[in-house]
Amino acid sequence: MARSERSTELKPLEVRVDGENINRAINQLKRKMANEGIYKELKKRRFYEKPSERRKRKEREAERRLRKARRRANTRN
């Protein structure tokens, strides 16, 4: 779950442009958007998702998170 989904207050993404280095500011904005999960949310909302599909997707994501957590736990031991 992205940070923006967890918190109740919504803060706008801000990127400061120093001098004329606009490319760097654009890259920072893209990175922040990716970290906040905005791209994932846009992709998800592009098409209607039936409730049964949403349920299946959430189950797959939960299984993936569990497998990932188990892998991390096994590598720490």
N, C-alpha and C. Protein backbone atom coordinates (compact mmCIF):
# COMPACT_ATOMS: atom_id res chain seq x y z
N MET A 1 0.85 -1.17 0.00
CA MET A 1 0.00 0.00 0.00
C MET A 1 0.90 1.23 0.00
N ALA A 2 0.61 2.18 -0.83
CA ALA A 2 1.41 3.39 -0.94
C ALA A 2 1.19 4.28 0.27
N ARG A 3 2.15 5.15 0.52
CA ARG A 3 2.04 6.05 1.66
C ARG A 3 0.79 6.91 1.57
N SER A 4 0.45 7.38 0.39
CA SER A 4 -0.69 8.28 0.24
C SER A 4 -2.00 7.57 0.58
N GLU A 5 -2.06 6.25 0.38
CA GLU A 5 -3.27 5.50 0.71
C GLU A 5 -3.39 5.28 2.21
N ARG A 6 -2.26 5.20 2.90
CA ARG A 6 -2.27 4.95 4.34
C ARG A 6 -2.65 6.19 5.12
N SER A 7 -2.14 7.34 4.74
CA SER A 7 -2.39 8.55 5.51
C SER A 7 -3.72 9.17 5.12
N THR A 8 -4.33 9.86 6.08
CA THR A 8 -5.62 10.47 5.82
C THR A 8 -5.47 11.84 5.17
N GLU A 9 -4.38 12.53 5.45
CA GLU A 9 -4.19 13.85 4.84
C GLU A 9 -3.42 13.71 3.54
N LEU A 10 -3.84 14.45 2.55
CA LEU A 10 -3.18 14.39 1.25
C LEU A 10 -2.31 15.63 1.08
N LYS A 11 -1.04 15.40 0.82
CA LYS A 11 -0.12 16.50 0.59
C LYS A 11 0.30 16.48 -0.87
N PRO A 12 0.36 17.63 -1.50
CA PRO A 12 0.79 17.65 -2.91
C PRO A 12 2.27 17.32 -3.01
N LEU A 13 2.65 16.73 -4.13
CA LEU A 13 4.05 16.46 -4.40
C LEU A 13 4.71 17.76 -4.82
N GLU A 14 5.84 18.05 -4.23
CA GLU A 14 6.55 19.27 -4.57
C GLU A 14 7.96 18.93 -5.00
N VAL A 15 8.41 19.61 -6.05
CA VAL A 15 9.78 19.48 -6.51
C VAL A 15 10.30 20.88 -6.76
N ARG A 16 11.41 21.20 -6.17
CA ARG A 16 12.00 22.53 -6.36
C ARG A 16 12.93 22.51 -7.58
N VAL A 17 12.82 23.55 -8.38
CA VAL A 17 13.68 23.68 -9.56
C VAL A 17 14.77 24.68 -9.22
N ASP A 18 16.01 24.18 -9.17
CA ASP A 18 17.16 25.05 -8.89
C ASP A 18 17.78 25.51 -10.20
N GLY A 19 17.79 26.80 -10.40
CA GLY A 19 18.37 27.35 -11.62
C GLY A 19 17.58 26.91 -12.85
N GLU A 20 18.29 26.37 -13.82
CA GLU A 20 17.64 25.96 -15.06
C GLU A 20 17.71 24.45 -15.26
N ASN A 21 17.89 23.73 -14.16
CA ASN A 21 18.03 22.29 -14.24
C ASN A 21 16.65 21.63 -14.18
N ILE A 22 15.87 21.81 -15.24
CA ILE A 22 14.50 21.31 -15.28
C ILE A 22 14.47 19.80 -15.44
N ASN A 23 15.41 19.24 -16.18
CA ASN A 23 15.44 17.78 -16.37
C ASN A 23 15.60 17.05 -15.05
N ARG A 24 16.44 17.58 -14.17
CA ARG A 24 16.63 16.97 -12.86
C ARG A 24 15.34 17.04 -12.05
N ALA A 25 14.65 18.17 -12.12
CA ALA A 25 13.39 18.32 -11.39
C ALA A 25 12.34 17.36 -11.92
N ILE A 26 12.29 17.16 -13.23
CA ILE A 26 11.33 16.22 -13.82
C ILE A 26 11.62 14.81 -13.35
N ASN A 27 12.91 14.43 -13.32
CA ASN A 27 13.28 13.10 -12.85
C ASN A 27 12.92 12.90 -11.38
N GLN A 28 13.13 13.95 -10.56
CA GLN A 28 12.76 13.87 -9.15
C GLN A 28 11.25 13.68 -9.01
N LEU A 29 10.47 14.41 -9.82
CA LEU A 29 9.02 14.28 -9.77
C LEU A 29 8.58 12.88 -10.16
N LYS A 30 9.18 12.33 -11.21
CA LYS A 30 8.84 10.97 -11.65
C LYS A 30 9.16 9.96 -10.54
N ARG A 31 10.30 10.13 -9.90
CA ARG A 31 10.70 9.22 -8.81
C ARG A 31 9.72 9.31 -7.64
N LYS A 32 9.32 10.53 -7.28
CA LYS A 32 8.36 10.70 -6.18
C LYS A 32 7.01 10.08 -6.54
N MET A 33 6.59 10.27 -7.78
CA MET A 33 5.31 9.70 -8.20
C MET A 33 5.36 8.18 -8.16
N ALA A 34 6.48 7.59 -8.56
CA ALA A 34 6.62 6.14 -8.52
C ALA A 34 6.62 5.65 -7.08
N ASN A 35 7.31 6.34 -6.18
CA ASN A 35 7.37 5.93 -4.78
C ASN A 35 6.01 6.05 -4.10
N GLU A 36 5.22 7.02 -4.49
CA GLU A 36 3.90 7.22 -3.90
C GLU A 36 2.87 6.25 -4.47
N GLY A 37 3.20 5.58 -5.55
CA GLY A 37 2.28 4.63 -6.15
C GLY A 37 1.27 5.26 -7.09
N ILE A 38 1.56 6.45 -7.56
CA ILE A 38 0.62 7.16 -8.43
C ILE A 38 0.51 6.47 -9.78
N TYR A 39 1.64 6.01 -10.33
CA TYR A 39 1.60 5.33 -11.63
C TYR A 39 0.78 4.05 -11.53
N LYS A 40 0.97 3.32 -10.45
CA LYS A 40 0.24 2.06 -10.25
C LYS A 40 -1.26 2.35 -10.15
N GLU A 41 -1.61 3.41 -9.43
CA GLU A 41 -3.01 3.79 -9.27
C GLU A 41 -3.62 4.20 -10.61
N LEU A 42 -2.89 4.97 -11.41
CA LEU A 42 -3.39 5.38 -12.72
C LEU A 42 -3.65 4.17 -13.61
N LYS A 43 -2.70 3.25 -13.60
CA LYS A 43 -2.85 2.05 -14.42
C LYS A 43 -4.06 1.24 -13.96
N LYS A 44 -4.25 1.16 -12.65
CA LYS A 44 -5.36 0.38 -12.10
C LYS A 44 -6.71 1.01 -12.46
N ARG A 45 -6.77 2.32 -12.49
CA ARG A 45 -8.04 3.01 -12.75
C ARG A 45 -8.32 3.26 -14.22
N ARG A 46 -7.43 2.85 -15.09
CA ARG A 46 -7.61 3.10 -16.51
C ARG A 46 -8.84 2.37 -17.05
N PHE A 47 -9.09 1.15 -16.54
CA PHE A 47 -10.22 0.36 -16.99
C PHE A 47 -11.01 -0.11 -15.77
N TYR A 48 -12.28 -0.38 -15.99
CA TYR A 48 -13.12 -0.88 -14.92
C TYR A 48 -12.67 -2.29 -14.54
N GLU A 49 -12.61 -2.53 -13.24
CA GLU A 49 -12.23 -3.84 -12.74
C GLU A 49 -13.42 -4.43 -12.00
N LYS A 50 -13.86 -5.57 -12.45
CA LYS A 50 -15.00 -6.22 -11.81
C LYS A 50 -14.62 -6.60 -10.39
N PRO A 51 -15.61 -6.64 -9.49
CA PRO A 51 -15.31 -7.01 -8.10
C PRO A 51 -14.63 -8.37 -7.97
N SER A 52 -15.03 -9.34 -8.80
CA SER A 52 -14.40 -10.66 -8.71
C SER A 52 -12.93 -10.57 -9.14
N GLU A 53 -12.63 -9.76 -10.16
CA GLU A 53 -11.25 -9.58 -10.60
C GLU A 53 -10.43 -8.87 -9.53
N ARG A 54 -11.05 -7.87 -8.89
CA ARG A 54 -10.36 -7.13 -7.83
C ARG A 54 -10.01 -8.07 -6.68
N ARG A 55 -10.95 -8.94 -6.31
CA ARG A 55 -10.73 -9.91 -5.23
C ARG A 55 -9.57 -10.85 -5.58
N LYS A 56 -9.58 -11.36 -6.81
CA LYS A 56 -8.51 -12.26 -7.25
C LYS A 56 -7.16 -11.55 -7.26
N ARG A 57 -7.14 -10.30 -7.73
CA ARG A 57 -5.89 -9.54 -7.78
C ARG A 57 -5.35 -9.32 -6.37
N LYS A 58 -6.23 -8.97 -5.45
CA LYS A 58 -5.80 -8.73 -4.08
C LYS A 58 -5.27 -10.01 -3.44
N GLU A 59 -5.90 -11.15 -3.75
CA GLU A 59 -5.41 -12.43 -3.23
C GLU A 59 -4.03 -12.75 -3.79
N ARG A 60 -3.84 -12.52 -5.09
CA ARG A 60 -2.53 -12.75 -5.71
C ARG A 60 -1.46 -11.85 -5.08
N GLU A 61 -1.82 -10.58 -4.86
CA GLU A 61 -0.85 -9.66 -4.26
C GLU A 61 -0.49 -10.08 -2.84
N ALA A 62 -1.50 -10.54 -2.08
CA ALA A 62 -1.24 -10.99 -0.71
C ALA A 62 -0.33 -12.21 -0.71
N GLU A 63 -0.58 -13.15 -1.62
CA GLU A 63 0.28 -14.33 -1.72
C GLU A 63 1.71 -13.94 -2.07
N ARG A 64 1.83 -12.99 -2.98
CA ARG A 64 3.16 -12.53 -3.39
C ARG A 64 3.90 -11.89 -2.20
N ARG A 65 3.17 -11.08 -1.41
CA ARG A 65 3.79 -10.46 -0.24
C ARG A 65 4.23 -11.51 0.76
N LEU A 66 3.40 -12.55 0.97
CA LEU A 66 3.75 -13.62 1.90
C LEU A 66 5.00 -14.36 1.43
N ARG A 67 5.05 -14.69 0.15
CA ARG A 67 6.23 -15.39 -0.39
C ARG A 67 7.48 -14.54 -0.20
N LYS A 68 7.35 -13.25 -0.46
CA LYS A 68 8.48 -12.34 -0.32
C LYS A 68 8.93 -12.26 1.14
N ALA A 69 7.99 -12.19 2.07
CA ALA A 69 8.32 -12.14 3.49
C ALA A 69 9.01 -13.44 3.93
N ARG A 70 8.53 -14.58 3.43
CA ARG A 70 9.15 -15.86 3.77
C ARG A 70 10.57 -15.94 3.24
N ARG A 71 10.77 -15.45 2.01
CA ARG A 71 12.12 -15.45 1.44
C ARG A 71 13.05 -14.61 2.29
N ARG A 72 12.58 -13.44 2.71
CA ARG A 72 13.42 -12.56 3.54
C ARG A 72 13.72 -13.22 4.87
N ALA A 73 12.72 -13.89 5.46
CA ALA A 73 12.93 -14.55 6.75
C ALA A 73 13.93 -15.69 6.61
N ASN A 74 13.88 -16.43 5.49
CA ASN A 74 14.81 -17.54 5.27
C ASN A 74 16.24 -17.07 5.06
N THR A 75 16.41 -15.94 4.43
CA THR A 75 17.76 -15.45 4.16
C THR A 75 18.39 -14.86 5.43
N ARG A 76 17.59 -14.41 6.37
CA ARG A 76 18.12 -13.84 7.62
C ARG A 76 18.60 -14.92 8.57
N ASN A 77 18.06 -16.10 8.48
CA ASN A 77 18.44 -17.20 9.41
C ASN A 77 19.74 -17.82 9.04
